[in-house]
C-alpha atoms as a PDB file:
ATOM      1  CA  MET A   1       0.018   0.066  -0.015  1.00  0.00           C
ATOM      2  CA  ASP A   2       1.171   3.476  -0.893  1.00  0.00           C
ATOM      3  CA  LEU A   3       1.340   6.225   1.721  1.00  0.00           C
ATOM      4  CA  GLN A   4      -0.872   8.488  -0.309  1.00  0.00           C
ATOM      5  CA  ILE A   5      -3.471   5.727  -0.547  1.00  0.00           C
ATOM      6  CA  PHE A   6      -3.131   4.845   3.223  1.00  0.00           C
ATOM      7  CA  PHE A   7      -3.970   8.622   4.170  1.00  0.00           C
ATOM      8  CA  GLU A   8      -6.619   8.763   1.651  1.00  0.00           C
ATOM      9  CA  LYS A   9      -8.352   5.710   3.367  1.00  0.00           C
ATOM     10  CA  LEU A  10      -7.779   7.396   6.728  1.00  0.00           C
ATOM     11  CA  ARG A  11      -9.456  10.631   5.495  1.00  0.00           C
ATOM     12  CA  GLN A  12     -12.383   8.761   4.214  1.00  0.00           C
ATOM     13  CA  ASN A  13     -12.840   6.772   7.400  1.00  0.00           C
ATOM     14  CA  PRO A  14     -15.298   8.390   9.751  1.00  0.00           C
ATOM     15  CA  ARG A  15     -14.057   6.512  12.854  1.00  0.00           C
ATOM     16  CA  PRO A  16     -10.735   6.486  14.776  1.00  0.00           C
ATOM     17  CA  VAL A  17      -8.399   3.826  13.485  1.00  0.00           C
ATOM     18  CA  VAL A  18      -5.773   1.627  15.238  1.00  0.00           C
ATOM     19  CA  VAL A  19      -3.212   0.500  12.746  1.00  0.00           C
ATOM     20  CA  ASP A  20      -1.570  -2.833  13.779  1.00  0.00           C
ATOM     21  CA  LEU A  21       1.667  -3.264  11.800  1.00  0.00           C
ATOM     22  CA  TRP A  22       2.690  -6.882  12.321  1.00  0.00           C
ATOM     23  CA  ALA A  23       4.349  -9.965  10.720  1.00  0.00           C
ATOM     24  CA  PRO A  24       3.357 -13.667  10.819  1.00  0.00           C
ATOM     25  CA  TRP A  25       6.898 -14.624  12.115  1.00  0.00           C
ATOM     26  CA  CYS A  26       6.683 -12.128  14.964  1.00  0.00           C
ATOM     27  CA  GLY A  27       6.056 -13.767  18.418  1.00  0.00           C
ATOM     28  CA  PRO A  28       4.943 -10.543  20.209  1.00  0.00           C
ATOM     29  CA  CYS A  29       2.652  -9.720  17.153  1.00  0.00           C
ATOM     30  CA  ARG A  30       0.989 -13.180  17.578  1.00  0.00           C
ATOM     31  CA  ALA A  31       0.742 -12.663  21.334  1.00  0.00           C
ATOM     32  CA  VAL A  32      -1.299  -9.456  21.160  1.00  0.00           C
ATOM     33  CA  LYS A  33      -3.386 -10.387  18.086  1.00  0.00           C
ATOM     34  CA  PRO A  34      -6.184 -12.077  20.133  1.00  0.00           C
ATOM     35  CA  THR A  35      -6.536  -9.092  22.298  1.00  0.00           C
ATOM     36  CA  LEU A  36      -6.651  -6.524  19.474  1.00  0.00           C
ATOM     37  CA  GLU A  37      -9.221  -8.653  17.625  1.00  0.00           C
ATOM     38  CA  LYS A  38     -11.438  -8.907  20.767  1.00  0.00           C
ATOM     39  CA  LEU A  39     -11.170  -5.213  21.226  1.00  0.00           C
ATOM     40  CA  ALA A  40     -12.007  -4.622  17.596  1.00  0.00           C
ATOM     41  CA  GLN A  41     -15.146  -6.600  18.056  1.00  0.00           C
ATOM     42  CA  GLU A  42     -15.975  -4.812  21.318  1.00  0.00           C
ATOM     43  CA  TYR A  43     -15.603  -1.368  19.930  1.00  0.00           C
ATOM     44  CA  ALA A  44     -17.011  -2.205  16.487  1.00  0.00           C
ATOM     45  CA  GLY A  45     -18.568   0.885  14.940  1.00  0.00           C
ATOM     46  CA  ARG A  46     -16.505   3.257  17.186  1.00  0.00           C
ATOM     47  CA  VAL A  47     -12.949   2.247  16.517  1.00  0.00           C
ATOM     48  CA  ASP A  48     -11.587   0.393  13.437  1.00  0.00           C
ATOM     49  CA  LEU A  49      -8.633  -1.957  13.538  1.00  0.00           C
ATOM     50  CA  TRP A  50      -6.455  -2.121  10.468  1.00  0.00           C
ATOM     51  CA  GLU A  51      -4.045  -4.904  10.288  1.00  0.00           C
ATOM     52  CA  ILE A  52      -1.131  -4.445   7.996  1.00  0.00           C
ATOM     53  CA  ASN A  53       1.446  -7.117   7.186  1.00  0.00           C
ATOM     54  CA  ALA A  54       4.914  -5.568   7.479  1.00  0.00           C
ATOM     55  CA  ASP A  55       6.471  -8.120   5.142  1.00  0.00           C
ATOM     56  CA  GLU A  56       3.987  -7.287   2.442  1.00  0.00           C
ATOM     57  CA  ASN A  57       4.135  -3.420   2.957  1.00  0.00           C
ATOM     58  CA  ARG A  58       7.838  -2.582   3.609  1.00  0.00           C
ATOM     59  CA  GLU A  59       7.660   0.727   1.752  1.00  0.00           C
ATOM     60  CA  LEU A  60       4.587   1.919   3.807  1.00  0.00           C
ATOM     61  CA  LEU A  61       6.467   1.084   7.026  1.00  0.00           C
ATOM     62  CA  ARG A  62       9.479   3.045   5.925  1.00  0.00           C
ATOM     63  CA  GLN A  63       7.366   5.996   5.057  1.00  0.00           C
ATOM     64  CA  LEU A  64       5.570   5.851   8.376  1.00  0.00           C
ATOM     65  CA  LYS A  65       9.000   5.608  10.091  1.00  0.00           C
ATOM     66  CA  VAL A  66       8.138   2.314  11.649  1.00  0.00           C
ATOM     67  CA  TYR A  67      11.348   0.558  12.825  1.00  0.00           C
ATOM     68  CA  GLY A  68      10.133  -2.255  14.988  1.00  0.00           C
ATOM     69  CA  ILE A  69       7.074  -4.613  15.186  1.00  0.00           C
ATOM     70  CA  PRO A  70       4.581  -4.915  16.464  1.00  0.00           C
ATOM     71  CA  THR A  71       3.800  -1.171  16.053  1.00  0.00           C
ATOM     72  CA  LEU A  72       0.353   0.144  16.877  1.00  0.00           C
ATOM     73  CA  ILE A  73      -0.494   3.666  15.456  1.00  0.00           C
ATOM     74  CA  ALA A  74      -3.698   5.304  16.617  1.00  0.00           C
ATOM     75  CA  TYR A  75      -5.271   7.876  14.262  1.00  0.00           C
ATOM     76  CA  HIS A  76      -8.143  10.173  14.923  1.00  0.00           C
ATOM     77  CA  ASN A  77      -9.408  12.661  12.139  1.00  0.00           C
ATOM     78  CA  ASP A  78      -6.438  11.218   9.951  1.00  0.00           C
ATOM     79  CA  GLU A  79      -3.819  12.536  12.563  1.00  0.00           C
ATOM     80  CA  GLU A  80      -1.569  10.313  14.412  1.00  0.00           C
ATOM     81  CA  ARG A  81      -2.420  10.593  18.201  1.00  0.00           C
ATOM     82  CA  ARG A  82      -0.285   7.775  19.714  1.00  0.00           C
ATOM     83  CA  ARG A  83       2.244   5.272  18.748  1.00  0.00           C
ATOM     84  CA  TYR A  84       3.201   2.070  20.728  1.00  0.00           C
ATOM     85  CA  VAL A  85       6.200  -0.228  19.723  1.00  0.00           C
ATOM     86  CA  GLY A  86       6.279  -3.656  21.174  1.00  0.00           C
ATOM     87  CA  ALA A  87       3.727  -5.854  22.721  1.00  0.00           C
ATOM     88  CA  LYS A  88       1.351  -4.061  25.152  1.00  0.00           C
ATOM     89  CA  SER A  89      -0.741  -5.450  27.926  1.00  0.00           C
ATOM     90  CA  GLN A  90      -4.475  -6.024  27.586  1.00  0.00           C
ATOM     91  CA  SER A  91      -5.203  -3.063  29.930  1.00  0.00           C
ATOM     92  CA  GLN A  92      -3.087  -0.765  27.856  1.00  0.00           C
ATOM     93  CA  LEU A  93      -4.674  -1.855  24.636  1.00  0.00           C
ATOM     94  CA  LYS A  94      -8.108  -1.468  26.296  1.00  0.00           C
ATOM     95  CA  SER A  95      -7.360   2.166  27.415  1.00  0.00           C
ATOM     96  CA  LEU A  96      -6.165   2.850  23.874  1.00  0.00           C
ATOM     97  CA  PHE A  97      -9.568   1.791  22.330  1.00  0.00           C
ATOM     98  CA  GLU A  98     -11.512   3.444  25.067  1.00  0.00           C
ATOM     99  CA  ALA A  99      -9.738   6.783  24.654  1.00  0.00           C
ATOM    100  CA  LEU A 100     -10.185   6.767  20.898  1.00  0.00           C
ATOM    101  CA  SER A 101     -13.887   5.823  21.119  1.00  0.00           C
ATOM    102  CA  ASN A 102     -14.373   8.796  23.581  1.00  0.00           C
ATOM    103  CA  GLY A 103     -12.512  11.167  21.123  1.00  0.00           C
ATOM    104  CA  THR A 104      -9.655  11.744  23.544  1.00  0.00           C
ATOM    105  CA  VAL A 105      -5.952  11.368  23.149  1.00  0.00           C
ATOM    106  CA  PRO A 106      -4.720   8.156  24.655  1.00  0.00           C
ATOM    107  CA  THR A 107      -2.313   8.581  27.419  1.00  0.00           C
ATOM    108  CA  SER A 108       1.174   7.013  27.553  1.00  0.00           C
ATOM    109  CA  HIS A 109       1.616   4.325  30.098  1.00  0.00           C
ATOM    110  CA  GLY A 110       5.312   4.691  30.700  1.00  0.00           C
ATOM    111  CA  LEU A 111       7.126   2.307  33.048  1.00  0.00           C
ATOM    112  CA  SER A 112       5.360   0.777  35.975  1.00  0.00           C
ATOM    113  CA  GLY A 113       6.525   1.520  39.498  1.00  0.00           C
ATOM    114  CA  TRP A 114       7.935  -1.949  39.817  1.00  0.00           C
ATOM    115  CA  ASP A 115       9.860  -1.664  36.593  1.00  0.00           C
ATOM    116  CA  ARG A 116      11.199   1.791  37.460  1.00  0.00           C
ATOM    117  CA  PHE A 117      12.284   0.366  40.860  1.00  0.00           C
ATOM    118  CA  LEU A 118      14.048  -2.659  39.546  1.00  0.00           C
ATOM    119  CA  ARG A 119      15.923  -0.579  36.999  1.00  0.00           C
ATOM    120  CA  LEU A 120      17.035   1.915  39.589  1.00  0.00           C
ATOM    121  CA  LEU A 121      18.164  -0.963  41.946  1.00  0.00           C
ATOM    122  CA  ALA A 122      19.977  -2.867  39.269  1.00  0.00           C
ATOM    123  CA  GLY A 123      21.690   0.310  37.976  1.00  0.00           C
ATOM    124  CA  SER A 124      22.747   1.449  41.463  1.00  0.00           C
ATOM    125  CA  VAL A 125      24.154  -1.998  42.288  1.00  0.00           C
ATOM    126  CA  LEU A 126      26.136  -2.107  38.947  1.00  0.00           C
ATOM    127  CA  ALA A 127      27.360   1.449  39.345  1.00  0.00           C
ATOM    128  CA  GLY A 128      28.408   0.637  42.980  1.00  0.00           C
ATOM    129  CA  MET A 129      30.326  -2.320  41.848  1.00  0.00           C
ATOM    130  CA  GLY A 130      32.119  -0.219  39.261  1.00  0.00           C
ATOM    131  CA  TRP A 131      32.966   2.418  41.685  1.00  0.00           C
ATOM    132  CA  THR A 132      34.376  -0.082  44.358  1.00  0.00           C
ATOM    133  CA  ASN A 133      36.249  -2.137  41.700  1.00  0.00           C
ATOM    134  CA  HIS A 134      38.754   0.639  41.003  1.00  0.00           C
ATOM    135  CA  ASN A 135      36.503   2.706  38.890  1.00  0.00           C
ATOM    136  CA  SER A 136      35.496   0.012  36.394  1.00  0.00           C
ATOM    137  CA  TRP A 137      34.155   2.447  33.739  1.00  0.00           C
ATOM    138  CA  PHE A 138      32.157  -0.425  31.961  1.00  0.00           C
ATOM    139  CA  LEU A 139      30.069  -1.118  35.084  1.00  0.00           C
ATOM    140  CA  LEU A 140      29.712   2.511  35.887  1.00  0.00           C
ATOM    141  CA  LEU A 141      28.493   3.150  32.357  1.00  0.00           C
ATOM    142  CA  VAL A 142      26.018   0.249  32.368  1.00  0.00           C
ATOM    143  CA  GLY A 143      24.844   1.122  35.689  1.00  0.00           C
ATOM    144  CA  GLY A 144      24.318   4.724  34.817  1.00  0.00           C
ATOM    145  CA  MET A 145      22.416   3.739  31.708  1.00  0.00           C
ATOM    146  CA  LEU A 146      20.162   1.626  33.758  1.00  0.00           C
ATOM    147  CA  ILE A 147      19.439   4.307  36.184  1.00  0.00           C
ATOM    148  CA  PHE A 148      18.649   6.769  33.287  1.00  0.00           C
ATOM    149  CA  SER A 149      16.373   4.165  31.632  1.00  0.00           C
ATOM    150  CA  ALA A 150      14.254   4.293  34.914  1.00  0.00           C
ATOM    151  CA  VAL A 151      13.723   8.025  34.912  1.00  0.00           C
ATOM    152  CA  TYR A 152      14.296   9.334  31.274  1.00  0.00           C
ATOM    153  CA  ASP A 153      10.447   9.712  30.661  1.00  0.00           C
ATOM    154  CA  ARG A 154      10.414  12.295  33.471  1.00  0.00           C
ATOM    155  CA  CYS A 155      13.376  14.225  32.573  1.00  0.00           C
ATOM    156  CA  PRO A 156      12.451  17.654  31.092  1.00  0.00           C
ATOM    157  CA  ILE A 157      15.833  17.906  29.245  1.00  0.00           C
ATOM    158  CA  TRP A 158      15.332  14.561  27.564  1.00  0.00           C
ATOM    159  CA  LYS A 159      11.863  15.652  26.631  1.00  0.00           C
ATOM    160  CA  ALA A 160      13.084  18.840  25.037  1.00  0.00           C
ATOM    161  CA  ILE A 161      15.904  17.178  23.154  1.00  0.00           C
ATOM    162  CA  THR A 162      13.715  14.349  21.734  1.00  0.00           C
ATOM    163  CA  THR A 163      10.972  16.762  20.802  1.00  0.00           C
ATOM    164  CA  GLN A 164      13.444  18.907  18.877  1.00  0.00           C
ATOM    165  CA  PHE A 165      14.892  15.713  17.361  1.00  0.00           C
ATOM    166  CA  LYS A 166      11.425  14.535  16.248  1.00  0.00           C
ATOM    167  CA  LYS A 167      10.719  17.917  14.625  1.00  0.00           C
ATOM    168  CA  VAL A 168      13.966  17.825  12.711  1.00  0.00           C
ATOM    169  CA  MET A 169      13.399  14.277  11.548  1.00  0.00           C
ATOM    170  CA  ALA A 170       9.798  15.092  10.397  1.00  0.00           C
ATOM    171  CA  LYS A 171      11.062  17.823   7.879  1.00  0.00           C
END
């Protein structure tokens, strides 16, 4: 499918659309497929689900800047509202469909408190090991990266940099 045809179909569609970009060989794609199909039935007439095989539409994925699958892109009034990369939980997918059916922008779910805690703990342990082992730069670096991965989504500097980067890449 061509990008122009894709957006023309979006413009003609009166309902919000969740585009599922998947591949038959992708394990996480197969894992979320039953949940997506169930939600598509539950929200029939309010939210549409379009399943696009990544292997058969490589050019469309390139033009949409999709670099990993599964990727879900939520559109409302032919405008991208939210993009999820990777398998998502049933509750996250349900909240996506619910928000779109209400005409609101789906919220991002970020890391859970438990995931954040584990990353902070593991990063601190590695950084501490690196510090006590005569400044092992590798352990310090990996520990620092783990700590940053636990808090990056709350960092205003990171948000400013990534927002600027996305604007530049969109041009």
